[in-house]
N, C-alpha and C. Protein backbone atom coordinates (compact mmCIF):
# COMPACT_ATOMS: atom_id res chain seq x y z
N MET A 1 36.64 -104.88 -38.47
CA MET A 1 36.22 -106.18 -38.32
C MET A 1 34.76 -106.19 -38.26
N VAL A 2 34.16 -105.19 -37.49
CA VAL A 2 32.65 -105.09 -37.39
C VAL A 2 31.93 -104.93 -38.67
N ILE A 3 32.48 -104.12 -39.65
CA ILE A 3 31.88 -103.90 -40.85
C ILE A 3 31.87 -105.22 -41.62
N VAL A 4 33.04 -105.99 -41.60
CA VAL A 4 33.08 -107.26 -42.31
C VAL A 4 32.07 -108.23 -41.85
N ASP A 5 31.89 -108.23 -40.48
CA ASP A 5 30.80 -109.21 -39.95
C ASP A 5 29.53 -108.67 -40.33
N LYS A 6 29.17 -107.45 -40.43
CA LYS A 6 27.91 -106.97 -40.90
C LYS A 6 27.70 -107.28 -42.38
N LEU A 7 28.71 -107.13 -43.19
CA LEU A 7 28.65 -107.52 -44.59
C LEU A 7 28.25 -109.01 -44.74
N LYS A 8 28.99 -109.84 -43.98
CA LYS A 8 28.68 -111.29 -43.97
C LYS A 8 27.38 -111.54 -43.62
N GLY A 9 26.92 -110.87 -42.53
CA GLY A 9 25.40 -111.10 -42.14
C GLY A 9 24.58 -110.67 -43.18
N TRP A 10 24.63 -109.60 -43.89
CA TRP A 10 23.91 -109.02 -44.96
C TRP A 10 23.75 -110.00 -46.07
N ILE A 11 24.95 -110.56 -46.48
CA ILE A 11 24.94 -111.52 -47.54
C ILE A 11 24.15 -112.83 -47.22
N ASN A 12 24.13 -113.22 -46.02
CA ASN A 12 23.26 -114.37 -45.60
C ASN A 12 21.93 -114.09 -45.26
N GLN A 13 21.47 -112.85 -45.30
CA GLN A 13 20.06 -112.46 -45.00
C GLN A 13 19.12 -112.97 -46.04
N GLY A 14 17.83 -112.84 -45.69
CA GLY A 14 16.82 -113.36 -46.58
C GLY A 14 16.59 -112.47 -47.87
N LYS A 15 15.70 -112.99 -48.51
CA LYS A 15 15.23 -112.40 -49.92
C LYS A 15 14.72 -110.95 -49.62
N SER A 16 13.93 -110.73 -48.66
CA SER A 16 13.39 -109.36 -48.49
C SER A 16 14.38 -108.42 -48.05
N VAL A 17 15.41 -108.68 -47.28
CA VAL A 17 16.47 -107.68 -46.92
C VAL A 17 17.23 -107.42 -48.19
N ARG A 18 17.58 -108.47 -49.09
CA ARG A 18 18.27 -108.18 -50.29
C ARG A 18 17.60 -107.30 -51.17
N MET A 19 16.17 -107.47 -51.41
CA MET A 19 15.34 -106.80 -52.13
C MET A 19 15.41 -105.26 -51.66
N VAL A 20 15.28 -104.99 -50.37
CA VAL A 20 15.43 -103.61 -49.85
C VAL A 20 16.73 -103.03 -50.05
N ALA A 21 17.80 -103.77 -49.88
CA ALA A 21 19.09 -103.36 -50.06
C ALA A 21 19.47 -102.95 -51.58
N ASP A 22 18.76 -103.65 -52.51
CA ASP A 22 19.02 -103.38 -53.85
C ASP A 22 18.14 -102.19 -54.42
N ASP A 23 17.35 -101.72 -53.65
CA ASP A 23 16.35 -100.72 -54.22
C ASP A 23 16.45 -99.38 -53.26
N LEU A 24 17.06 -98.43 -53.71
CA LEU A 24 17.27 -97.21 -52.95
C LEU A 24 15.94 -96.46 -52.65
N GLN A 25 15.03 -96.48 -53.57
CA GLN A 25 13.79 -95.85 -53.38
C GLN A 25 12.91 -96.55 -52.23
N LEU A 26 12.92 -97.86 -52.26
CA LEU A 26 12.26 -98.75 -51.26
C LEU A 26 12.83 -98.49 -49.98
N THR A 27 14.27 -98.57 -49.93
CA THR A 27 15.03 -98.29 -48.64
C THR A 27 14.54 -96.95 -48.04
N GLY A 28 14.55 -95.83 -48.99
CA GLY A 28 14.26 -94.55 -48.37
C GLY A 28 12.71 -94.48 -47.95
N GLU A 29 11.74 -95.18 -48.63
CA GLU A 29 10.45 -95.21 -48.27
C GLU A 29 10.27 -95.90 -46.83
N LEU A 30 11.01 -97.09 -46.72
CA LEU A 30 10.83 -97.81 -45.51
C LEU A 30 11.40 -96.93 -44.36
N ILE A 31 12.60 -96.32 -44.55
CA ILE A 31 13.18 -95.46 -43.48
C ILE A 31 12.12 -94.43 -43.11
N LEU A 32 11.53 -93.73 -44.00
CA LEU A 32 10.50 -92.75 -43.59
C LEU A 32 9.35 -93.29 -42.86
N LEU A 33 8.87 -94.54 -43.21
CA LEU A 33 7.79 -95.11 -42.63
C LEU A 33 8.16 -95.54 -41.17
N VAL A 34 9.37 -96.12 -41.04
CA VAL A 34 9.85 -96.30 -39.67
C VAL A 34 9.90 -95.17 -38.81
N ARG A 35 10.41 -94.02 -39.37
CA ARG A 35 10.54 -92.76 -38.58
C ARG A 35 9.13 -92.30 -38.29
N MET A 36 8.17 -92.52 -39.07
CA MET A 36 6.75 -92.15 -38.69
C MET A 36 6.26 -92.94 -37.50
N MET A 37 6.57 -94.21 -37.40
CA MET A 37 6.21 -95.11 -36.37
C MET A 37 6.76 -94.53 -35.04
N PHE A 38 7.86 -93.89 -35.04
CA PHE A 38 8.51 -93.43 -33.84
C PHE A 38 8.37 -91.88 -33.63
N ALA A 39 7.77 -91.30 -34.58
CA ALA A 39 7.74 -89.77 -34.59
C ALA A 39 7.08 -89.17 -33.26
N ASP A 40 6.14 -89.79 -32.80
CA ASP A 40 5.42 -89.29 -31.61
C ASP A 40 6.17 -89.75 -30.30
N GLY A 41 7.29 -90.40 -30.44
CA GLY A 41 8.07 -90.81 -29.18
C GLY A 41 7.87 -92.17 -28.74
N GLU A 42 6.97 -92.92 -29.25
CA GLU A 42 6.71 -94.27 -28.79
C GLU A 42 6.11 -95.14 -30.04
N LEU A 43 6.53 -96.34 -29.94
CA LEU A 43 5.87 -97.27 -30.91
C LEU A 43 4.64 -97.89 -30.37
N LYS A 44 3.56 -97.80 -31.07
CA LYS A 44 2.27 -98.30 -30.63
C LYS A 44 1.94 -99.50 -31.46
N PRO A 45 1.34 -100.55 -30.93
CA PRO A 45 1.11 -101.73 -31.57
C PRO A 45 0.33 -101.48 -32.91
N ALA A 46 -0.70 -100.61 -32.94
CA ALA A 46 -1.42 -100.34 -34.18
C ALA A 46 -0.53 -99.86 -35.23
N GLU A 47 0.55 -99.01 -34.92
CA GLU A 47 1.39 -98.52 -35.89
C GLU A 47 2.16 -99.50 -36.50
N LEU A 48 2.74 -100.46 -35.64
CA LEU A 48 3.63 -101.51 -36.07
C LEU A 48 2.67 -102.54 -36.98
N ASP A 49 1.46 -102.79 -36.59
CA ASP A 49 0.64 -103.62 -37.36
C ASP A 49 0.49 -103.05 -38.66
N ASN A 50 0.14 -101.79 -38.66
CA ASN A 50 -0.07 -101.06 -39.97
C ASN A 50 1.16 -101.05 -41.02
N PHE A 51 2.25 -100.98 -40.27
CA PHE A 51 3.53 -100.97 -41.00
C PHE A 51 3.69 -102.35 -41.60
N LYS A 52 3.42 -103.47 -40.92
CA LYS A 52 3.65 -104.73 -41.41
C LYS A 52 2.67 -104.98 -42.59
N ARG A 53 1.36 -104.50 -42.49
CA ARG A 53 0.44 -104.54 -43.49
C ARG A 53 0.96 -103.89 -44.81
N ILE A 54 1.45 -102.58 -44.58
CA ILE A 54 1.98 -101.89 -45.80
C ILE A 54 3.06 -102.72 -46.41
N CYS A 55 4.02 -103.21 -45.65
CA CYS A 55 5.10 -103.98 -46.17
C CYS A 55 4.65 -105.15 -46.96
N LYS A 56 3.64 -105.80 -46.49
CA LYS A 56 3.09 -107.03 -47.11
C LYS A 56 2.40 -106.64 -48.43
N ILE A 57 1.41 -105.70 -48.37
CA ILE A 57 0.60 -105.37 -49.44
C ILE A 57 1.38 -104.51 -50.50
N ALA A 58 2.06 -103.55 -50.14
CA ALA A 58 2.70 -102.59 -51.09
C ALA A 58 4.06 -103.12 -51.65
N PHE A 59 4.75 -103.88 -50.71
CA PHE A 59 6.18 -104.16 -51.09
C PHE A 59 6.39 -105.70 -51.28
N ASP A 60 5.39 -106.47 -50.90
CA ASP A 60 5.60 -107.91 -50.93
C ASP A 60 6.61 -108.46 -49.97
N ILE A 61 6.69 -107.77 -48.87
CA ILE A 61 7.65 -108.20 -47.67
C ILE A 61 6.76 -109.03 -46.75
N PRO A 62 6.95 -110.32 -46.59
CA PRO A 62 6.19 -110.94 -45.62
C PRO A 62 6.48 -110.64 -44.15
N GLU A 63 5.29 -110.72 -43.39
CA GLU A 63 5.38 -110.23 -41.99
C GLU A 63 6.53 -110.77 -41.30
N GLU A 64 6.77 -112.09 -41.50
CA GLU A 64 7.96 -112.64 -40.73
C GLU A 64 9.38 -112.15 -41.11
N ASP A 65 9.40 -111.46 -42.34
CA ASP A 65 10.67 -110.83 -42.72
C ASP A 65 10.82 -109.40 -42.08
N VAL A 66 9.78 -108.75 -41.65
CA VAL A 66 9.76 -107.38 -41.29
C VAL A 66 10.85 -107.19 -40.20
N PRO A 67 11.04 -107.93 -39.15
CA PRO A 67 12.01 -107.66 -38.08
C PRO A 67 13.41 -107.55 -38.72
N GLU A 68 13.74 -108.40 -39.65
CA GLU A 68 15.04 -108.55 -40.28
C GLU A 68 15.10 -107.34 -41.21
N VAL A 69 14.17 -106.86 -41.83
CA VAL A 69 14.19 -105.67 -42.63
C VAL A 69 14.55 -104.44 -41.80
N VAL A 70 13.73 -104.29 -40.66
CA VAL A 70 13.83 -103.21 -39.85
C VAL A 70 15.40 -103.21 -39.23
N GLU A 71 15.80 -104.41 -38.94
CA GLU A 71 17.23 -104.50 -38.42
C GLU A 71 18.21 -103.89 -39.54
N TYR A 72 17.94 -104.33 -40.69
CA TYR A 72 18.89 -103.87 -41.81
C TYR A 72 18.73 -102.42 -41.90
N LEU A 73 17.56 -101.82 -41.81
CA LEU A 73 17.44 -100.35 -41.94
C LEU A 73 18.18 -99.65 -40.81
N GLN A 74 18.03 -100.21 -39.55
CA GLN A 74 18.75 -99.63 -38.45
C GLN A 74 20.31 -99.67 -38.63
N ASP A 75 20.77 -100.90 -39.08
CA ASP A 75 22.19 -100.97 -39.29
C ASP A 75 22.88 -100.14 -40.43
N PHE A 76 22.03 -100.04 -41.55
CA PHE A 76 22.61 -99.35 -42.65
C PHE A 76 21.97 -98.02 -42.95
N GLY A 77 20.85 -97.66 -42.35
CA GLY A 77 20.29 -96.32 -42.62
C GLY A 77 20.18 -95.51 -41.45
N TYR A 78 20.90 -95.76 -40.38
CA TYR A 78 20.76 -94.87 -39.20
C TYR A 78 21.25 -93.58 -39.34
N GLU A 79 22.12 -93.22 -40.41
CA GLU A 79 22.65 -91.88 -40.53
C GLU A 79 21.80 -91.29 -41.71
N THR A 80 20.83 -91.83 -42.29
CA THR A 80 20.02 -91.22 -43.29
C THR A 80 18.95 -90.35 -42.64
N ASN A 81 18.99 -89.08 -43.00
CA ASN A 81 17.93 -88.19 -42.41
C ASN A 81 16.75 -88.16 -43.35
N VAL A 82 15.74 -87.40 -42.85
CA VAL A 82 14.45 -87.26 -43.65
C VAL A 82 14.80 -86.65 -45.09
N ASP A 83 15.63 -85.65 -45.14
CA ASP A 83 15.99 -85.09 -46.41
C ASP A 83 16.62 -86.14 -47.41
N ASP A 84 17.56 -86.91 -46.88
CA ASP A 84 18.19 -87.98 -47.80
C ASP A 84 17.22 -88.96 -48.16
N ALA A 85 16.37 -89.48 -47.26
CA ALA A 85 15.40 -90.48 -47.55
C ALA A 85 14.24 -90.03 -48.66
N THR A 86 14.05 -88.82 -48.51
CA THR A 86 13.10 -88.16 -49.43
C THR A 86 13.54 -87.82 -50.83
N ALA A 87 14.94 -87.57 -50.79
CA ALA A 87 15.48 -87.19 -52.13
C ALA A 87 15.32 -88.21 -53.25
N VAL A 88 15.24 -89.52 -52.86
CA VAL A 88 14.97 -90.41 -53.90
C VAL A 88 13.69 -90.40 -54.62
N PHE A 89 12.86 -89.56 -54.08
CA PHE A 89 11.52 -89.34 -54.72
C PHE A 89 11.48 -88.06 -55.60
N GLU A 90 12.59 -87.45 -55.72
CA GLU A 90 12.57 -86.18 -56.54
C GLU A 90 12.06 -86.36 -57.88
N GLY A 91 12.56 -87.28 -58.58
CA GLY A 91 12.03 -87.38 -59.99
C GLY A 91 10.82 -88.40 -60.19
N MET A 92 10.33 -88.82 -59.09
CA MET A 92 9.27 -89.83 -59.11
C MET A 92 7.95 -89.14 -59.67
N PRO A 93 7.02 -89.94 -60.36
CA PRO A 93 5.78 -89.43 -60.70
C PRO A 93 4.98 -89.08 -59.48
N TRP A 94 3.87 -88.17 -59.67
CA TRP A 94 3.08 -87.83 -58.66
C TRP A 94 2.35 -88.96 -57.87
N GLU A 95 1.89 -89.92 -58.71
CA GLU A 95 1.23 -91.11 -58.00
C GLU A 95 2.20 -91.88 -57.04
N ARG A 96 3.43 -91.89 -57.21
CA ARG A 96 4.41 -92.62 -56.40
C ARG A 96 4.58 -91.78 -55.23
N LYS A 97 4.63 -90.54 -55.35
CA LYS A 97 4.80 -89.62 -54.10
C LYS A 97 3.46 -89.61 -53.12
N LYS A 98 2.39 -89.74 -53.95
CA LYS A 98 1.15 -89.74 -53.18
C LYS A 98 0.94 -91.08 -52.46
N THR A 99 1.51 -92.18 -53.06
CA THR A 99 1.47 -93.42 -52.30
C THR A 99 2.24 -93.36 -50.94
N LEU A 100 3.44 -92.71 -51.08
CA LEU A 100 4.29 -92.59 -49.91
C LEU A 100 3.46 -91.79 -48.82
N LEU A 101 2.92 -90.72 -49.22
CA LEU A 101 2.24 -89.82 -48.33
C LEU A 101 1.08 -90.57 -47.69
N VAL A 102 0.31 -91.27 -48.52
CA VAL A 102 -0.79 -92.19 -47.92
C VAL A 102 -0.26 -93.17 -46.89
N HIS A 103 0.73 -93.74 -47.15
CA HIS A 103 1.33 -94.73 -46.27
C HIS A 103 1.75 -94.01 -44.94
N LEU A 104 2.40 -92.76 -45.05
CA LEU A 104 2.80 -92.03 -43.89
C LEU A 104 1.52 -91.62 -43.01
N LEU A 105 0.50 -91.16 -43.73
CA LEU A 105 -0.70 -90.78 -43.06
C LEU A 105 -1.37 -91.95 -42.30
N SER A 106 -1.32 -93.14 -43.00
CA SER A 106 -1.96 -94.29 -42.44
C SER A 106 -1.24 -94.75 -41.25
N ILE A 107 0.05 -94.57 -41.20
CA ILE A 107 0.75 -94.98 -39.98
C ILE A 107 0.41 -93.92 -38.83
N ALA A 108 0.45 -92.62 -39.26
CA ALA A 108 0.23 -91.51 -38.24
C ALA A 108 -1.12 -91.70 -37.68
N LYS A 109 -2.27 -92.15 -38.43
CA LYS A 109 -3.61 -92.22 -37.99
C LYS A 109 -3.79 -93.63 -37.30
N ALA A 110 -2.87 -94.57 -37.37
CA ALA A 110 -3.07 -95.95 -36.76
C ALA A 110 -3.60 -95.94 -35.40
N ASP A 111 -3.01 -95.12 -34.55
CA ASP A 111 -3.36 -95.03 -33.17
C ASP A 111 -4.55 -93.94 -32.82
N ASP A 112 -5.22 -93.57 -33.88
CA ASP A 112 -6.38 -92.64 -33.78
C ASP A 112 -5.96 -91.30 -33.28
N VAL A 113 -4.73 -90.83 -33.21
CA VAL A 113 -4.27 -89.53 -32.84
C VAL A 113 -3.13 -89.15 -33.81
N ILE A 114 -3.24 -88.05 -34.42
CA ILE A 114 -2.21 -87.55 -35.19
C ILE A 114 -1.30 -86.46 -34.38
N HIS A 115 -0.25 -86.75 -33.96
CA HIS A 115 0.58 -86.06 -33.04
C HIS A 115 1.29 -84.90 -33.84
N ALA A 116 1.76 -83.85 -33.18
CA ALA A 116 2.29 -82.74 -33.79
C ALA A 116 3.70 -83.18 -34.58
N ASP A 117 4.43 -84.01 -33.94
CA ASP A 117 5.64 -84.47 -34.62
C ASP A 117 5.33 -85.31 -35.92
N GLU A 118 4.28 -85.99 -35.91
CA GLU A 118 3.88 -86.71 -37.05
C GLU A 118 3.49 -85.83 -38.16
N VAL A 119 2.70 -84.74 -37.84
CA VAL A 119 2.22 -83.71 -38.80
C VAL A 119 3.55 -83.04 -39.30
N GLU A 120 4.44 -82.69 -38.52
CA GLU A 120 5.66 -82.00 -38.89
C GLU A 120 6.47 -82.94 -39.91
N LEU A 121 6.55 -84.17 -39.61
CA LEU A 121 7.19 -85.21 -40.63
C LEU A 121 6.55 -85.33 -42.03
N ILE A 122 5.23 -85.33 -41.95
CA ILE A 122 4.53 -85.36 -43.16
C ILE A 122 4.63 -83.98 -43.97
N ARG A 123 4.57 -82.87 -43.20
CA ARG A 123 4.78 -81.53 -43.80
C ARG A 123 6.19 -81.51 -44.47
N LYS A 124 7.17 -81.97 -43.68
CA LYS A 124 8.54 -81.90 -44.31
C LYS A 124 8.76 -82.78 -45.48
N VAL A 125 8.27 -84.03 -45.37
CA VAL A 125 8.34 -84.90 -46.58
C VAL A 125 7.66 -84.33 -47.87
N SER A 126 6.49 -83.81 -47.59
CA SER A 126 5.67 -83.18 -48.62
C SER A 126 6.37 -82.15 -49.26
N SER A 127 6.98 -81.18 -48.42
CA SER A 127 7.66 -80.03 -48.90
C SER A 127 8.81 -80.41 -49.78
N LEU A 128 9.61 -81.43 -49.23
CA LEU A 128 10.70 -81.83 -49.98
C LEU A 128 10.37 -82.43 -51.34
N MET A 129 9.15 -83.06 -51.40
CA MET A 129 8.72 -83.52 -52.67
C MET A 129 8.03 -82.60 -53.55
N GLY A 130 7.89 -81.33 -53.07
CA GLY A 130 7.20 -80.32 -53.78
C GLY A 130 5.70 -80.38 -53.85
N LEU A 131 5.12 -80.97 -52.82
CA LEU A 131 3.65 -81.04 -52.64
C LEU A 131 3.19 -80.01 -51.78
N ASP A 132 1.97 -79.39 -51.90
CA ASP A 132 1.47 -78.44 -51.08
C ASP A 132 0.37 -78.98 -50.08
N ALA A 133 -0.03 -77.99 -49.24
CA ALA A 133 -1.04 -78.45 -48.19
C ALA A 133 -2.31 -78.91 -48.75
N SER A 134 -2.76 -78.36 -49.85
CA SER A 134 -4.16 -78.72 -50.44
C SER A 134 -4.09 -80.06 -50.93
N GLU A 135 -2.89 -80.49 -51.51
CA GLU A 135 -2.77 -81.94 -52.04
C GLU A 135 -2.82 -82.88 -50.80
N ILE A 136 -2.16 -82.60 -49.75
CA ILE A 136 -2.14 -83.39 -48.62
C ILE A 136 -3.55 -83.41 -47.95
N ALA A 137 -4.30 -82.38 -47.86
CA ALA A 137 -5.59 -82.27 -47.32
C ALA A 137 -6.55 -83.25 -48.16
N LYS A 138 -6.40 -83.33 -49.35
CA LYS A 138 -7.16 -84.25 -50.18
C LYS A 138 -6.93 -85.64 -49.77
N MET A 139 -5.87 -86.00 -49.42
CA MET A 139 -5.46 -87.36 -49.19
C MET A 139 -5.95 -87.74 -47.68
N ARG A 140 -5.93 -86.70 -46.76
CA ARG A 140 -6.33 -86.97 -45.36
C ARG A 140 -7.86 -87.37 -45.32
N SER A 141 -8.64 -87.05 -46.29
CA SER A 141 -10.11 -87.30 -46.14
C SER A 141 -10.44 -88.73 -46.54
């Protein structure tokens, strides 16, 4: 019965949630960005503000829809690990991969400190996408 209730809720949700639900690549990217916000063990306001900015500018998700989108990701993406979320980028062009990494770095740097767990998440995502350290270093500058 819980699954039926969740499906009914999803059907009644807004345009942004439906857009995320219909786009596996977008879902994967948002899951990775949310994981980055929590990688250092706590959500800082600057990280959340940056996430909202990325959602609006890069994905056309209005700020008021972000809580509903994050709730969707928690409900339906909670079992998705970093490997799974990154797998959708396997055949993507370099520029698309770079954009994801730029977004991850932007969230990691939002609180003015890049923590070891954030570095590890970026390293893992980069490795899974076949990017090396020199390519990441170019993006950090």
